[in-house]
Amino acid sequence: MLVVMKGCKESEKSIAHVTPKVERVPLSSLRARRRGKHFELMQKVLKELAELPRESALKLPLGPYSAKDMRSAVSRAAASEKIKISTTSDGENLYVWKRL
């Protein structure tokens, strides 16, 4: 954002830059990884997926979440663990299973 001072002669015009206030922090003071709002639920889902027998699927109630949001969260969690999954939903539940 540029601000030109009024009432100054042409040669005395000054330009003020507005910069955000920033500060430095050591990386060691930051959390090692981001834990989103679905973190604990996704940990439970991954544990269940690891123990899931072939030809079975997990049935996850959607509750307040949309199928799209839940599918995205499960897909990200599974991809981080290198688990290949497939999903489908019926409007009330999301079904997740390991791909063969």
PDB file of N, CA and C in Angstrom:
ATOM      1  N   MET A   1       0.848  -1.161   0.000  1.00  0.00           N
ATOM      2  CA  MET A   1       0.000   0.000   0.000  1.00  0.00           C
ATOM      3  C   MET A   1       0.893   1.223   0.000  1.00  0.00           C
ATOM      4  N   LEU A   2       0.695   2.126  -0.940  1.00  0.00           N
ATOM      5  CA  LEU A   2       1.469   3.351  -1.018  1.00  0.00           C
ATOM      6  C   LEU A   2       0.642   4.511  -0.511  1.00  0.00           C
ATOM      7  N   VAL A   3       1.284   5.368   0.272  1.00  0.00           N
ATOM      8  CA  VAL A   3       0.612   6.552   0.782  1.00  0.00           C
ATOM      9  C   VAL A   3       1.439   7.759   0.379  1.00  0.00           C
ATOM     10  N   VAL A   4       0.832   8.728  -0.292  1.00  0.00           N
ATOM     11  CA  VAL A   4       1.514   9.958  -0.682  1.00  0.00           C
ATOM     12  C   VAL A   4       1.065  11.039   0.282  1.00  0.00           C
ATOM     13  N   MET A   5       2.031  11.698   0.884  1.00  0.00           N
ATOM     14  CA  MET A   5       1.738  12.742   1.865  1.00  0.00           C
ATOM     15  C   MET A   5       1.195  13.978   1.155  1.00  0.00           C
ATOM     16  N   LYS A   6       0.057  14.501   1.608  1.00  0.00           N
ATOM     17  CA  LYS A   6      -0.544  15.703   1.027  1.00  0.00           C
ATOM     18  C   LYS A   6       0.101  16.934   1.639  1.00  0.00           C
ATOM     19  N   GLY A   7       0.092  18.022   0.928  1.00  0.00           N
ATOM     20  CA  GLY A   7       0.603  19.284   1.430  1.00  0.00           C
ATOM     21  C   GLY A   7       2.106  19.432   1.279  1.00  0.00           C
ATOM     22  N   CYS A   8       2.781  18.498   0.665  1.00  0.00           N
ATOM     23  CA  CYS A   8       4.218  18.592   0.468  1.00  0.00           C
ATOM     24  C   CYS A   8       4.492  19.051  -0.948  1.00  0.00           C
ATOM     25  N   LYS A   9       5.613  19.715  -1.115  1.00  0.00           N
ATOM     26  CA  LYS A   9       6.022  20.102  -2.459  1.00  0.00           C
ATOM     27  C   LYS A   9       6.368  18.855  -3.252  1.00  0.00           C
ATOM     28  N   GLU A  10       6.396  19.006  -4.579  1.00  0.00           N
ATOM     29  CA  GLU A  10       6.688  17.888  -5.475  1.00  0.00           C
ATOM     30  C   GLU A  10       7.977  17.173  -5.070  1.00  0.00           C
ATOM     31  N   SER A  11       9.025  17.914  -4.733  1.00  0.00           N
ATOM     32  CA  SER A  11      10.307  17.301  -4.418  1.00  0.00           C
ATOM     33  C   SER A  11      10.335  16.708  -3.007  1.00  0.00           C
ATOM     34  N   GLU A  12       9.353  17.070  -2.148  1.00  0.00           N
ATOM     35  CA  GLU A  12       9.354  16.605  -0.774  1.00  0.00           C
ATOM     36  C   GLU A  12       8.366  15.459  -0.536  1.00  0.00           C
ATOM     37  N   LYS A  13       7.733  14.983  -1.584  1.00  0.00           N
ATOM     38  CA  LYS A  13       6.773  13.896  -1.416  1.00  0.00           C
ATOM     39  C   LYS A  13       7.479  12.675  -0.837  1.00  0.00           C
ATOM     40  N   SER A  14       6.852  12.063   0.129  1.00  0.00           N
ATOM     41  CA  SER A  14       7.442  10.845   0.700  1.00  0.00           C
ATOM     42  C   SER A  14       6.460   9.699   0.504  1.00  0.00           C
ATOM     43  N   ILE A  15       6.995   8.543   0.386  1.00  0.00           N
ATOM     44  CA  ILE A  15       6.186   7.353   0.197  1.00  0.00           C
ATOM     45  C   ILE A  15       6.385   6.470   1.425  1.00  0.00           C
ATOM     46  N   ALA A  16       5.293   6.129   2.064  1.00  0.00           N
ATOM     47  CA  ALA A  16       5.365   5.250   3.239  1.00  0.00           C
ATOM     48  C   ALA A  16       4.893   3.859   2.831  1.00  0.00           C
ATOM     49  N   HIS A  17       5.642   2.857   3.188  1.00  0.00           N
ATOM     50  CA  HIS A  17       5.258   1.473   2.917  1.00  0.00           C
ATOM     51  C   HIS A  17       4.714   0.871   4.197  1.00  0.00           C
ATOM     52  N   VAL A  18       3.559   0.234   4.084  1.00  0.00           N
ATOM     53  CA  VAL A  18       2.978  -0.438   5.224  1.00  0.00           C
ATOM     54  C   VAL A  18       3.378  -1.898   5.123  1.00  0.00           C
ATOM     55  N   THR A  19       4.133  -2.377   6.102  1.00  0.00           N
ATOM     56  CA  THR A  19       4.569  -3.764   6.084  1.00  0.00           C
ATOM     57  C   THR A  19       3.981  -4.486   7.285  1.00  0.00           C
ATOM     58  N   PRO A  20       3.635  -5.744   7.107  1.00  0.00           N
ATOM     59  CA  PRO A  20       3.094  -6.495   8.241  1.00  0.00           C
ATOM     60  C   PRO A  20       4.196  -6.723   9.283  1.00  0.00           C
ATOM     61  N   LYS A  21       3.798  -6.769  10.532  1.00  0.00           N
ATOM     62  CA  LYS A  21       4.746  -7.033  11.601  1.00  0.00           C
ATOM     63  C   LYS A  21       5.031  -8.533  11.621  1.00  0.00           C
ATOM     64  N   VAL A  22       6.279  -8.882  11.494  1.00  0.00           N
ATOM     65  CA  VAL A  22       6.676 -10.283  11.495  1.00  0.00           C
ATOM     66  C   VAL A  22       7.736 -10.496  12.558  1.00  0.00           C
ATOM     67  N   GLU A  23       7.831 -11.726  13.014  1.00  0.00           N
ATOM     68  CA  GLU A  23       8.899 -12.047  13.946  1.00  0.00           C
ATOM     69  C   GLU A  23       9.438 -13.425  13.626  1.00  0.00           C
ATOM     70  N   ARG A  24      10.636 -13.691  14.052  1.00  0.00           N
ATOM     71  CA  ARG A  24      11.283 -14.968  13.796  1.00  0.00           C
ATOM     72  C   ARG A  24      11.127 -15.874  15.009  1.00  0.00           C
ATOM     73  N   VAL A  25      10.910 -17.162  14.726  1.00  0.00           N
ATOM     74  CA  VAL A  25      10.833 -18.163  15.792  1.00  0.00           C
ATOM     75  C   VAL A  25      11.649 -19.376  15.357  1.00  0.00           C
ATOM     76  N   PRO A  26      12.273 -20.064  16.297  1.00  0.00           N
ATOM     77  CA  PRO A  26      13.041 -21.256  15.911  1.00  0.00           C
ATOM     78  C   PRO A  26      12.098 -22.390  15.502  1.00  0.00           C
ATOM     79  N   LEU A  27      12.507 -23.144  14.500  1.00  0.00           N
ATOM     80  CA  LEU A  27      11.690 -24.263  14.032  1.00  0.00           C
ATOM     81  C   LEU A  27      11.443 -25.278  15.139  1.00  0.00           C
ATOM     82  N   SER A  28      12.373 -25.413  16.050  1.00  0.00           N
ATOM     83  CA  SER A  28      12.218 -26.384  17.132  1.00  0.00           C
ATOM     84  C   SER A  28      11.044 -26.041  18.052  1.00  0.00           C
ATOM     85  N   SER A  29      10.576 -24.797  18.012  1.00  0.00           N
ATOM     86  CA  SER A  29       9.449 -24.410  18.866  1.00  0.00           C
ATOM     87  C   SER A  29       8.097 -24.719  18.219  1.00  0.00           C
ATOM     88  N   LEU A  30       8.114 -25.136  16.963  1.00  0.00           N
ATOM     89  CA  LEU A  30       6.871 -25.454  16.247  1.00  0.00           C
ATOM     90  C   LEU A  30       6.528 -26.921  16.410  1.00  0.00           C
ATOM     91  N   ARG A  31       5.238 -27.223  16.285  1.00  0.00           N
ATOM     92  CA  ARG A  31       4.813 -28.621  16.324  1.00  0.00           C
ATOM     93  C   ARG A  31       5.394 -29.369  15.142  1.00  0.00           C
ATOM     94  N   ALA A  32       5.680 -30.638  15.342  1.00  0.00           N
ATOM     95  CA  ALA A  32       6.295 -31.452  14.296  1.00  0.00           C
ATOM     96  C   ALA A  32       5.371 -31.649  13.101  1.00  0.00           C
ATOM     97  N   ARG A  33       4.067 -31.779  13.347  1.00  0.00           N
ATOM     98  CA  ARG A  33       3.139 -31.943  12.228  1.00  0.00           C
ATOM     99  C   ARG A  33       1.796 -31.323  12.569  1.00  0.00           C
ATOM    100  N   ARG A  34       1.067 -31.037  11.524  1.00  0.00           N
ATOM    101  CA  ARG A  34      -0.237 -30.422  11.676  1.00  0.00           C
ATOM    102  C   ARG A  34      -1.243 -31.481  12.100  1.00  0.00           C
ATOM    103  N   ARG A  35      -2.039 -31.154  13.070  1.00  0.00           N
ATOM    104  CA  ARG A  35      -3.109 -32.056  13.498  1.00  0.00           C
ATOM    105  C   ARG A  35      -4.432 -31.349  13.286  1.00  0.00           C
ATOM    106  N   GLY A  36      -5.062 -31.677  12.171  1.00  0.00           N
ATOM    107  CA  GLY A  36      -6.334 -31.054  11.821  1.00  0.00           C
ATOM    108  C   GLY A  36      -7.472 -31.571  12.678  1.00  0.00           C
ATOM    109  N   LYS A  37      -8.656 -31.064  12.398  1.00  0.00           N
ATOM    110  CA  LYS A  37      -9.815 -31.422  13.214  1.00  0.00           C
ATOM    111  C   LYS A  37     -10.230 -32.883  13.059  1.00  0.00           C
ATOM    112  N   HIS A  38      -9.772 -33.557  12.004  1.00  0.00           N
ATOM    113  CA  HIS A  38     -10.127 -34.955  11.782  1.00  0.00           C
ATOM    114  C   HIS A  38      -9.017 -35.921  12.204  1.00  0.00           C
ATOM    115  N   PHE A  39      -7.937 -35.406  12.797  1.00  0.00           N
ATOM    116  CA  PHE A  39      -6.747 -36.221  13.052  1.00  0.00           C
ATOM    117  C   PHE A  39      -7.055 -37.483  13.852  1.00  0.00           C
ATOM    118  N   GLU A  40      -7.690 -37.344  15.000  1.00  0.00           N
ATOM    119  CA  GLU A  40      -7.947 -38.503  15.856  1.00  0.00           C
ATOM    120  C   GLU A  40      -8.883 -39.514  15.185  1.00  0.00           C
ATOM    121  N   LEU A  41      -9.910 -39.013  14.520  1.00  0.00           N
ATOM    122  CA  LEU A  41     -10.817 -39.902  13.804  1.00  0.00           C
ATOM    123  C   LEU A  41     -10.069 -40.664  12.710  1.00  0.00           C
ATOM    124  N   MET A  42      -9.198 -39.974  11.977  1.00  0.00           N
ATOM    125  CA  MET A  42      -8.473 -40.626  10.893  1.00  0.00           C
ATOM    126  C   MET A  42      -7.480 -41.653  11.427  1.00  0.00           C
ATOM    127  N   GLN A  43      -6.910 -41.419  12.605  1.00  0.00           N
ATOM    128  CA  GLN A  43      -6.023 -42.412  13.204  1.00  0.00           C
ATOM    129  C   GLN A  43      -6.790 -43.700  13.500  1.00  0.00           C
ATOM    130  N   LYS A  44      -8.025 -43.558  13.997  1.00  0.00           N
ATOM    131  CA  LYS A  44      -8.865 -44.732  14.276  1.00  0.00           C
ATOM    132  C   LYS A  44      -9.223 -45.457  12.981  1.00  0.00           C
ATOM    133  N   VAL A  45      -9.553 -44.684  11.943  1.00  0.00           N
ATOM    134  CA  VAL A  45      -9.907 -45.275  10.642  1.00  0.00           C
ATOM    135  C   VAL A  45      -8.718 -46.034  10.079  1.00  0.00           C
ATOM    136  N   LEU A  46      -7.513 -45.462  10.141  1.00  0.00           N
ATOM    137  CA  LEU A  46      -6.325 -46.141   9.619  1.00  0.00           C
ATOM    138  C   LEU A  46      -6.039 -47.432  10.381  1.00  0.00           C
ATOM    139  N   LYS A  47      -6.234 -47.407  11.688  1.00  0.00           N
ATOM    140  CA  LYS A  47      -6.027 -48.614  12.494  1.00  0.00           C
ATOM    141  C   LYS A  47      -7.023 -49.701  12.068  1.00  0.00           C
ATOM    142  N   GLU A  48      -8.282 -49.302  11.895  1.00  0.00           N
ATOM    143  CA  GLU A  48      -9.303 -50.263  11.457  1.00  0.00           C
ATOM    144  C   GLU A  48      -9.010 -50.785  10.050  1.00  0.00           C
ATOM    145  N   LEU A  49      -8.549 -49.914   9.164  1.00  0.00           N
ATOM    146  CA  LEU A  49      -8.217 -50.340   7.799  1.00  0.00           C
ATOM    147  C   LEU A  49      -7.085 -51.363   7.810  1.00  0.00           C
ATOM    148  N   ALA A  50      -6.101 -51.157   8.676  1.00  0.00           N
ATOM    149  CA  ALA A  50      -4.970 -52.085   8.756  1.00  0.00           C
ATOM    150  C   ALA A  50      -5.432 -53.475   9.165  1.00  0.00           C
ATOM    151  N   GLU A  51      -6.455 -53.545  10.008  1.00  0.00           N
ATOM    152  CA  GLU A  51      -6.960 -54.823  10.504  1.00  0.00           C
ATOM    153  C   GLU A  51      -8.137 -55.363   9.699  1.00  0.00           C
ATOM    154  N   LEU A  52      -8.571 -54.633   8.699  1.00  0.00           N
ATOM    155  CA  LEU A  52      -9.764 -54.981   7.927  1.00  0.00           C
ATOM    156  C   LEU A  52      -9.519 -56.203   7.042  1.00  0.00           C
ATOM    157  N   PRO A  53     -10.367 -57.230   7.166  1.00  0.00           N
ATOM    158  CA  PRO A  53     -10.221 -58.401   6.291  1.00  0.00           C
ATOM    159  C   PRO A  53     -10.617 -58.046   4.849  1.00  0.00           C
ATOM    160  N   ARG A  54     -10.086 -58.829   3.918  1.00  0.00           N
ATOM    161  CA  ARG A  54     -10.477 -58.648   2.506  1.00  0.00           C
ATOM    162  C   ARG A  54     -11.971 -58.833   2.376  1.00  0.00           C
ATOM    163  N   GLU A  55     -12.525 -58.223   1.360  1.00  0.00           N
ATOM    164  CA  GLU A  55     -13.963 -58.313   1.074  1.00  0.00           C
ATOM    165  C   GLU A  55     -14.822 -57.664   2.155  1.00  0.00           C
ATOM    166  N   SER A  56     -14.227 -56.744   2.941  1.00  0.00           N
ATOM    167  CA  SER A  56     -14.979 -55.999   3.955  1.00  0.00           C
ATOM    168  C   SER A  56     -14.711 -54.507   3.770  1.00  0.00           C
ATOM    169  N   ALA A  57     -15.657 -53.705   4.246  1.00  0.00           N
ATOM    170  CA  ALA A  57     -15.513 -52.249   4.189  1.00  0.00           C
ATOM    171  C   ALA A  57     -15.827 -51.657   5.556  1.00  0.00           C
ATOM    172  N   LEU A  58     -15.273 -50.496   5.810  1.00  0.00           N
ATOM    173  CA  LEU A  58     -15.621 -49.752   7.021  1.00  0.00           C
ATOM    174  C   LEU A  58     -16.820 -48.873   6.708  1.00  0.00           C
ATOM    175  N   LYS A  59     -17.745 -48.801   7.626  1.00  0.00           N
ATOM    176  CA  LYS A  59     -18.937 -47.961   7.479  1.00  0.00           C
ATOM    177  C   LYS A  59     -18.756 -46.789   8.447  1.00  0.00           C
ATOM    178  N   LEU A  60     -18.543 -45.594   7.900  1.00  0.00           N
ATOM    179  CA  LEU A  60     -18.318 -44.402   8.709  1.00  0.00           C
ATOM    180  C   LEU A  60     -19.534 -43.489   8.630  1.00  0.00           C
ATOM    181  N   PRO A  61     -20.233 -43.250   9.730  1.00  0.00           N
ATOM    182  CA  PRO A  61     -21.363 -42.324   9.700  1.00  0.00           C
ATOM    183  C   PRO A  61     -20.865 -40.913   9.390  1.00  0.00           C
ATOM    184  N   LEU A  62     -21.549 -40.224   8.505  1.00  0.00           N
ATOM    185  CA  LEU A  62     -21.120 -38.888   8.102  1.00  0.00           C
ATOM    186  C   LEU A  62     -21.399 -37.839   9.178  1.00  0.00           C
ATOM    187  N   GLY A  63     -22.473 -38.005   9.920  1.00  0.00           N
ATOM    188  CA  GLY A  63     -22.794 -37.021  10.964  1.00  0.00           C
ATOM    189  C   GLY A  63     -22.867 -35.623  10.386  1.00  0.00           C
ATOM    190  N   PRO A  64     -22.148 -34.671  10.983  1.00  0.00           N
ATOM    191  CA  PRO A  64     -22.209 -33.276  10.509  1.00  0.00           C
ATOM    192  C   PRO A  64     -21.340 -33.011   9.279  1.00  0.00           C
ATOM    193  N   TYR A  65     -20.560 -34.008   8.842  1.00  0.00           N
ATOM    194  CA  TYR A  65     -19.641 -33.801   7.724  1.00  0.00           C
ATOM    195  C   TYR A  65     -20.287 -34.198   6.402  1.00  0.00           C
ATOM    196  N   SER A  66     -19.839 -33.564   5.342  1.00  0.00           N
ATOM    197  CA  SER A  66     -20.306 -33.963   4.012  1.00  0.00           C
ATOM    198  C   SER A  66     -19.488 -35.174   3.567  1.00  0.00           C
ATOM    199  N   ALA A  67     -20.035 -35.935   2.651  1.00  0.00           N
ATOM    200  CA  ALA A  67     -19.314 -37.097   2.121  1.00  0.00           C
ATOM    201  C   ALA A  67     -18.010 -36.636   1.465  1.00  0.00           C
ATOM    202  N   LYS A  68     -18.058 -35.497   0.805  1.00  0.00           N
ATOM    203  CA  LYS A  68     -16.873 -34.964   0.131  1.00  0.00           C
ATOM    204  C   LYS A  68     -15.766 -34.655   1.137  1.00  0.00           C
ATOM    205  N   ASP A  69     -16.100 -33.984   2.245  1.00  0.00           N
ATOM    206  CA  ASP A  69     -15.099 -33.638   3.254  1.00  0.00           C
ATOM    207  C   ASP A  69     -14.525 -34.881   3.915  1.00  0.00           C
ATOM    208  N   MET A  70     -15.389 -35.814   4.265  1.00  0.00           N
ATOM    209  CA  MET A  70     -14.934 -37.038   4.926  1.00  0.00           C
ATOM    210  C   MET A  70     -14.070 -37.869   3.979  1.00  0.00           C
ATOM    211  N   ARG A  71     -14.487 -37.969   2.715  1.00  0.00           N
ATOM    212  CA  ARG A  71     -13.714 -38.722   1.723  1.00  0.00           C
ATOM    213  C   ARG A  71     -12.327 -38.105   1.554  1.00  0.00           C
ATOM    214  N   SER A  72     -12.255 -36.791   1.525  1.00  0.00           N
ATOM    215  CA  SER A  72     -10.961 -36.108   1.387  1.00  0.00           C
ATOM    216  C   SER A  72     -10.057 -36.395   2.567  1.00  0.00           C
ATOM    217  N   ALA A  73     -10.609 -36.319   3.769  1.00  0.00           N
ATOM    218  CA  ALA A  73      -9.817 -36.572   4.978  1.00  0.00           C
ATOM    219  C   ALA A  73      -9.302 -38.004   5.010  1.00  0.00           C
ATOM    220  N   VAL A  74     -10.174 -38.965   4.698  1.00  0.00           N
ATOM    221  CA  VAL A  74      -9.766 -40.374   4.701  1.00  0.00           C
ATOM    222  C   VAL A  74      -8.725 -40.627   3.617  1.00  0.00           C
ATOM    223  N   SER A  75      -8.921 -40.058   2.452  1.00  0.00           N
ATOM    224  CA  SER A  75      -7.979 -40.253   1.343  1.00  0.00           C
ATOM    225  C   SER A  75      -6.596 -39.693   1.677  1.00  0.00           C
ATOM    226  N   ARG A  76      -6.551 -38.496   2.277  1.00  0.00           N
ATOM    227  CA  ARG A  76      -5.258 -37.905   2.672  1.00  0.00           C
ATOM    228  C   ARG A  76      -4.558 -38.774   3.713  1.00  0.00           C
ATOM    229  N   ALA A  77      -5.314 -39.225   4.707  1.00  0.00           N
ATOM    230  CA  ALA A  77      -4.736 -40.052   5.766  1.00  0.00           C
ATOM    231  C   ALA A  77      -4.206 -41.361   5.198  1.00  0.00           C
ATOM    232  N   ALA A  78      -4.981 -42.008   4.333  1.00  0.00           N
ATOM    233  CA  ALA A  78      -4.563 -43.280   3.738  1.00  0.00           C
ATOM    234  C   ALA A  78      -3.342 -43.083   2.835  1.00  0.00           C
ATOM    235  N   ALA A  79      -3.331 -42.020   2.057  1.00  0.00           N
ATOM    236  CA  ALA A  79      -2.197 -41.749   1.169  1.00  0.00           C
ATOM    237  C   ALA A  79      -0.918 -41.518   1.974  1.00  0.00           C
ATOM    238  N   SER A  80      -1.039 -40.872   3.130  1.00  0.00           N
ATOM    239  CA  SER A  80       0.149 -40.626   3.954  1.00  0.00           C
ATOM    240  C   SER A  80       0.741 -41.924   4.486  1.00  0.00           C
ATOM    241  N   GLU A  81      -0.079 -42.953   4.609  1.00  0.00           N
ATOM    242  CA  GLU A  81       0.373 -44.273   5.062  1.00  0.00           C
ATOM    243  C   GLU A  81       0.576 -45.239   3.893  1.00  0.00           C
ATOM    244  N   LYS A  82       0.460 -44.725   2.672  1.00  0.00           N
ATOM    245  CA  LYS A  82       0.616 -45.519   1.446  1.00  0.00           C
ATOM    246  C   LYS A  82      -0.365 -46.695   1.382  1.00  0.00           C
ATOM    247  N   ILE A  83      -1.605 -46.419   1.821  1.00  0.00           N
ATOM    248  CA  ILE A  83      -2.679 -47.410   1.747  1.00  0.00           C
ATOM    249  C   ILE A  83      -3.596 -46.999   0.595  1.00  0.00           C
ATOM    250  N   LYS A  84      -3.812 -47.890  -0.341  1.00  0.00           N
ATOM    251  CA  LYS A  84      -4.706 -47.602  -1.460  1.00  0.00           C
ATOM    252  C   LYS A  84      -6.121 -47.980  -1.060  1.00  0.00           C
ATOM    253  N   ILE A  85      -7.031 -47.015  -1.193  1.00  0.00           N
ATOM    254  CA  ILE A  85      -8.413 -47.249  -0.778  1.00  0.00           C
ATOM    255  C   ILE A  85      -9.388 -46.904  -1.888  1.00  0.00           C
ATOM    256  N   SER A  86     -10.603 -47.367  -1.716  1.00  0.00           N
ATOM    257  CA  SER A  86     -11.743 -46.969  -2.536  1.00  0.00           C
ATOM    258  C   SER A  86     -12.848 -46.570  -1.573  1.00  0.00           C
ATOM    259  N   THR A  87     -13.756 -45.719  -2.052  1.00  0.00           N
ATOM    260  CA  THR A  87     -14.846 -45.254  -1.197  1.00  0.00           C
ATOM    261  C   THR A  87     -16.136 -45.154  -1.985  1.00  0.00           C
ATOM    262  N   THR A  88     -17.234 -45.182  -1.260  1.00  0.00           N
ATOM    263  CA  THR A  88     -18.547 -44.867  -1.804  1.00  0.00           C
ATOM    264  C   THR A  88     -19.380 -44.339  -0.648  1.00  0.00           C
ATOM    265  N   SER A  89     -20.484 -43.695  -0.956  1.00  0.00           N
ATOM    266  CA  SER A  89     -21.348 -43.188   0.115  1.00  0.00           C
ATOM    267  C   SER A  89     -22.805 -43.333  -0.293  1.00  0.00           C
ATOM    268  N   ASP A  90     -23.677 -43.311   0.719  1.00  0.00           N
ATOM    269  CA  ASP A  90     -25.110 -43.410   0.449  1.00  0.00           C
ATOM    270  C   ASP A  90     -25.884 -42.217   1.001  1.00  0.00           C
ATOM    271  N   GLY A  91     -25.187 -41.157   1.346  1.00  0.00           N
ATOM    272  CA  GLY A  91     -25.841 -39.971   1.898  1.00  0.00           C
ATOM    273  C   GLY A  91     -25.798 -39.910   3.412  1.00  0.00           C
ATOM    274  N   GLU A  92     -25.759 -41.062   4.064  1.00  0.00           N
ATOM    275  CA  GLU A  92     -25.683 -41.115   5.526  1.00  0.00           C
ATOM    276  C   GLU A  92     -24.363 -41.673   6.014  1.00  0.00           C
ATOM    277  N   ASN A  93     -23.722 -42.502   5.198  1.00  0.00           N
ATOM    278  CA  ASN A  93     -22.482 -43.163   5.588  1.00  0.00           C
ATOM    279  C   ASN A  93     -21.467 -43.104   4.458  1.00  0.00           C
ATOM    280  N   LEU A  94     -20.203 -43.164   4.845  1.00  0.00           N
ATOM    281  CA  LEU A  94     -19.116 -43.301   3.885  1.00  0.00           C
ATOM    282  C   LEU A  94     -18.547 -44.698   4.094  1.00  0.00           C
ATOM    283  N   TYR A  95     -18.379 -45.445   3.017  1.00  0.00           N
ATOM    284  CA  TYR A  95     -17.835 -46.793   3.072  1.00  0.00           C
ATOM    285  C   TYR A  95     -16.428 -46.755   2.494  1.00  0.00           C
ATOM    286  N   VAL A  96     -15.492 -47.341   3.218  1.00  0.00           N
ATOM    287  CA  VAL A  96     -14.073 -47.317   2.825  1.00  0.00           C
ATOM    288  C   VAL A  96     -13.529 -48.732   2.871  1.00  0.00           C
ATOM    289  N   TRP A  97     -12.775 -49.120   1.834  1.00  0.00           N
ATOM    290  CA  TRP A  97     -12.130 -50.418   1.823  1.00  0.00           C
ATOM    291  C   TRP A  97     -10.793 -50.322   1.126  1.00  0.00           C
ATOM    292  N   LYS A  98      -9.928 -51.301   1.443  1.00  0.00           N
ATOM    293  CA  LYS A  98      -8.613 -51.358   0.810  1.00  0.00           C
ATOM    294  C   LYS A  98      -8.758 -51.928  -0.591  1.00  0.00           C
ATOM    295  N   ARG A  99      -8.062 -51.292  -1.533  1.00  0.00           N
ATOM    296  CA  ARG A  99      -8.026 -51.838  -2.894  1.00  0.00           C
ATOM    297  C   ARG A  99      -7.064 -52.991  -2.943  1.00  0.00           C
ATOM    298  N   LEU A 100      -7.375 -53.964  -3.763  1.00  0.00           N
ATOM    299  CA  LEU A 100      -6.498 -55.140  -3.900  1.00  0.00           C
ATOM    300  C   LEU A 100      -5.376 -54.875  -4.855  1.00  0.00           C
TER     301      LEU A 100
END
